[in-house]
Amino acid sequence: MTDLSPAQKAVAAFDERHELCGPFDDDWVEQCLAAAIEELAVHAGRGLYRNEIRAIAAELRGDTPTETP
């Protein structure tokens, strides 16, 4: 995945998670979106909105968000 743009990596993360969840899990869309959003957060670096992006992903997964300095 290293030659892909951040957006392409997000789509790949969505697809990878989709393969794990499958369309039969009730929350598969949320889990796949969370994977894609988390991948985007990785590329946000220490940017202003990184923690907000990670919080959205955590909420979609049903997790408690963790802040990254």
N, C-alpha and C. Protein backbone atom coordinates (compact mmCIF):
# COMPACT_ATOMS: atom_id res chain seq x y z
N MET A 1 0.81 -1.20 0.00
CA MET A 1 0.00 0.00 0.00
C MET A 1 0.85 1.26 0.00
N THR A 2 2.14 1.17 -0.03
CA THR A 2 2.99 2.35 0.12
C THR A 2 2.96 3.27 -1.09
N ASP A 3 2.65 2.78 -2.28
CA ASP A 3 2.64 3.62 -3.47
C ASP A 3 1.30 4.32 -3.69
N LEU A 4 0.36 4.10 -2.81
CA LEU A 4 -0.97 4.67 -2.98
C LEU A 4 -1.08 6.04 -2.30
N SER A 5 -1.99 6.85 -2.79
CA SER A 5 -2.27 8.13 -2.14
C SER A 5 -3.03 7.86 -0.84
N PRO A 6 -3.11 8.86 0.06
CA PRO A 6 -3.89 8.66 1.28
C PRO A 6 -5.34 8.25 1.00
N ALA A 7 -5.95 8.84 -0.01
CA ALA A 7 -7.33 8.47 -0.34
C ALA A 7 -7.41 7.02 -0.82
N GLN A 8 -6.46 6.61 -1.64
CA GLN A 8 -6.45 5.24 -2.12
C GLN A 8 -6.20 4.26 -0.97
N LYS A 9 -5.36 4.66 -0.02
CA LYS A 9 -5.12 3.82 1.16
C LYS A 9 -6.38 3.69 1.99
N ALA A 10 -7.15 4.77 2.08
CA ALA A 10 -8.41 4.72 2.84
C ALA A 10 -9.38 3.74 2.18
N VAL A 11 -9.48 3.79 0.86
CA VAL A 11 -10.36 2.86 0.14
C VAL A 11 -9.86 1.43 0.32
N ALA A 12 -8.56 1.23 0.27
CA ALA A 12 -8.01 -0.11 0.48
C ALA A 12 -8.31 -0.61 1.89
N ALA A 13 -8.19 0.27 2.89
CA ALA A 13 -8.51 -0.11 4.27
C ALA A 13 -9.98 -0.50 4.38
N PHE A 14 -10.85 0.26 3.73
CA PHE A 14 -12.29 -0.05 3.71
C PHE A 14 -12.49 -1.45 3.12
N ASP A 15 -11.87 -1.69 1.97
CA ASP A 15 -12.03 -2.98 1.30
C ASP A 15 -11.50 -4.13 2.14
N GLU A 16 -10.34 -3.94 2.78
CA GLU A 16 -9.77 -4.98 3.62
C GLU A 16 -10.69 -5.30 4.78
N ARG A 17 -11.23 -4.27 5.42
CA ARG A 17 -12.14 -4.49 6.54
C ARG A 17 -13.43 -5.16 6.06
N HIS A 18 -13.90 -4.78 4.88
CA HIS A 18 -15.11 -5.37 4.32
C HIS A 18 -14.94 -6.87 4.14
N GLU A 19 -13.74 -7.27 3.69
CA GLU A 19 -13.48 -8.70 3.52
C GLU A 19 -13.55 -9.43 4.85
N LEU A 20 -13.15 -8.77 5.94
CA LEU A 20 -13.19 -9.40 7.26
C LEU A 20 -14.61 -9.46 7.81
N CYS A 21 -15.36 -8.38 7.63
CA CYS A 21 -16.72 -8.29 8.19
C CYS A 21 -17.73 -9.00 7.32
N GLY A 22 -17.65 -8.75 6.06
CA GLY A 22 -18.66 -9.25 5.15
C GLY A 22 -19.94 -8.44 5.31
N PRO A 23 -20.79 -8.49 4.34
CA PRO A 23 -22.03 -7.72 4.40
C PRO A 23 -23.08 -8.29 5.36
N PHE A 24 -22.78 -9.38 6.04
CA PHE A 24 -23.77 -10.00 6.89
C PHE A 24 -23.75 -9.48 8.32
N ASP A 25 -22.65 -8.85 8.74
CA ASP A 25 -22.61 -8.25 10.07
C ASP A 25 -23.47 -7.00 10.06
N ASP A 26 -24.20 -6.76 11.14
CA ASP A 26 -25.09 -5.60 11.20
C ASP A 26 -24.35 -4.29 11.08
N ASP A 27 -23.12 -4.23 11.58
CA ASP A 27 -22.40 -2.96 11.58
C ASP A 27 -21.25 -2.93 10.60
N TRP A 28 -21.33 -3.69 9.52
CA TRP A 28 -20.20 -3.78 8.60
C TRP A 28 -19.86 -2.44 7.97
N VAL A 29 -20.85 -1.63 7.66
CA VAL A 29 -20.57 -0.33 7.04
C VAL A 29 -19.79 0.55 8.01
N GLU A 30 -20.22 0.59 9.28
CA GLU A 30 -19.54 1.39 10.28
C GLU A 30 -18.10 0.93 10.47
N GLN A 31 -17.90 -0.39 10.52
CA GLN A 31 -16.56 -0.93 10.71
C GLN A 31 -15.65 -0.61 9.52
N CYS A 32 -16.19 -0.69 8.33
CA CYS A 32 -15.39 -0.39 7.15
C CYS A 32 -15.08 1.10 7.05
N LEU A 33 -16.06 1.94 7.36
CA LEU A 33 -15.79 3.38 7.36
C LEU A 33 -14.77 3.74 8.42
N ALA A 34 -14.87 3.11 9.58
CA ALA A 34 -13.90 3.38 10.65
C ALA A 34 -12.49 3.02 10.19
N ALA A 35 -12.34 1.91 9.50
CA ALA A 35 -11.02 1.52 9.00
C ALA A 35 -10.48 2.54 8.02
N ALA A 36 -11.34 3.01 7.12
CA ALA A 36 -10.91 4.01 6.14
C ALA A 36 -10.56 5.33 6.81
N ILE A 37 -11.37 5.76 7.76
CA ILE A 37 -11.12 7.03 8.46
C ILE A 37 -9.84 6.93 9.29
N GLU A 38 -9.63 5.81 9.94
CA GLU A 38 -8.41 5.62 10.72
C GLU A 38 -7.18 5.71 9.82
N GLU A 39 -7.26 5.14 8.64
CA GLU A 39 -6.15 5.23 7.69
C GLU A 39 -5.89 6.69 7.31
N LEU A 40 -6.92 7.46 7.13
CA LEU A 40 -6.75 8.88 6.83
C LEU A 40 -6.11 9.61 8.00
N ALA A 41 -6.49 9.24 9.22
CA ALA A 41 -5.91 9.88 10.41
C ALA A 41 -4.41 9.64 10.48
N VAL A 42 -3.97 8.48 10.03
CA VAL A 42 -2.54 8.18 10.02
C VAL A 42 -1.80 9.22 9.18
N HIS A 43 -2.42 9.63 8.09
CA HIS A 43 -1.78 10.58 7.19
C HIS A 43 -2.01 12.03 7.61
N ALA A 44 -2.82 12.24 8.63
CA ALA A 44 -3.03 13.60 9.14
C ALA A 44 -1.84 14.03 9.99
N GLY A 45 -0.97 13.06 10.31
CA GLY A 45 0.21 13.38 11.12
C GLY A 45 -0.19 14.01 12.44
N ARG A 46 0.47 15.07 12.78
CA ARG A 46 0.14 15.78 14.02
C ARG A 46 -0.75 16.98 13.73
N GLY A 47 -1.48 16.88 12.64
CA GLY A 47 -2.36 17.97 12.21
C GLY A 47 -3.44 18.29 13.22
N LEU A 48 -4.02 19.43 13.03
CA LEU A 48 -5.02 19.98 13.95
C LEU A 48 -6.20 19.02 14.17
N TYR A 49 -6.61 18.30 13.15
CA TYR A 49 -7.84 17.50 13.25
C TYR A 49 -7.59 16.01 13.44
N ARG A 50 -6.36 15.60 13.69
CA ARG A 50 -6.07 14.17 13.81
C ARG A 50 -6.91 13.51 14.90
N ASN A 51 -6.95 14.09 16.08
CA ASN A 51 -7.72 13.48 17.17
C ASN A 51 -9.20 13.45 16.87
N GLU A 52 -9.70 14.47 16.19
CA GLU A 52 -11.11 14.49 15.81
C GLU A 52 -11.41 13.38 14.80
N ILE A 53 -10.50 13.19 13.86
CA ILE A 53 -10.67 12.12 12.87
C ILE A 53 -10.67 10.76 13.56
N ARG A 54 -9.73 10.56 14.48
CA ARG A 54 -9.65 9.29 15.20
C ARG A 54 -10.88 9.08 16.08
N ALA A 55 -11.44 10.14 16.64
CA ALA A 55 -12.64 10.03 17.46
C ALA A 55 -13.84 9.58 16.62
N ILE A 56 -13.92 10.07 15.39
CA ILE A 56 -15.00 9.63 14.49
C ILE A 56 -14.86 8.14 14.20
N ALA A 57 -13.64 7.71 13.90
CA ALA A 57 -13.41 6.29 13.63
C ALA A 57 -13.75 5.44 14.85
N ALA A 58 -13.35 5.90 16.02
CA ALA A 58 -13.63 5.15 17.25
C ALA A 58 -15.13 5.05 17.51
N GLU A 59 -15.83 6.15 17.27
CA GLU A 59 -17.28 6.13 17.48
C GLU A 59 -17.95 5.14 16.53
N LEU A 60 -17.51 5.13 15.27
CA LEU A 60 -18.07 4.18 14.31
C LEU A 60 -17.81 2.74 14.72
N ARG A 61 -16.63 2.49 15.30
CA ARG A 61 -16.30 1.13 15.76
C ARG A 61 -16.98 0.80 17.08
N GLY A 62 -17.43 1.83 17.80
CA GLY A 62 -17.99 1.61 19.12
C GLY A 62 -16.93 1.58 20.19
N ASP A 63 -15.73 2.11 19.89
CA ASP A 63 -14.60 2.15 20.82
C ASP A 63 -14.59 3.46 21.60
N THR A 64 -13.76 3.48 22.62
CA THR A 64 -13.44 4.73 23.31
C THR A 64 -12.27 5.34 22.59
N PRO A 65 -12.38 6.60 22.16
CA PRO A 65 -11.26 7.21 21.43
C PRO A 65 -10.06 7.42 22.32
N THR A 66 -8.88 7.33 21.70
CA THR A 66 -7.64 7.61 22.40
C THR A 66 -6.96 8.77 21.70
N GLU A 67 -6.44 9.70 22.49
CA GLU A 67 -5.78 10.86 21.91
C GLU A 67 -4.33 10.53 21.63
N THR A 68 -3.83 11.07 20.54
CA THR A 68 -2.44 10.92 20.17
C THR A 68 -1.81 12.31 20.16
N PRO A 69 -0.70 12.46 20.88
CA PRO A 69 -0.09 13.81 20.91
C PRO A 69 0.38 14.26 19.54
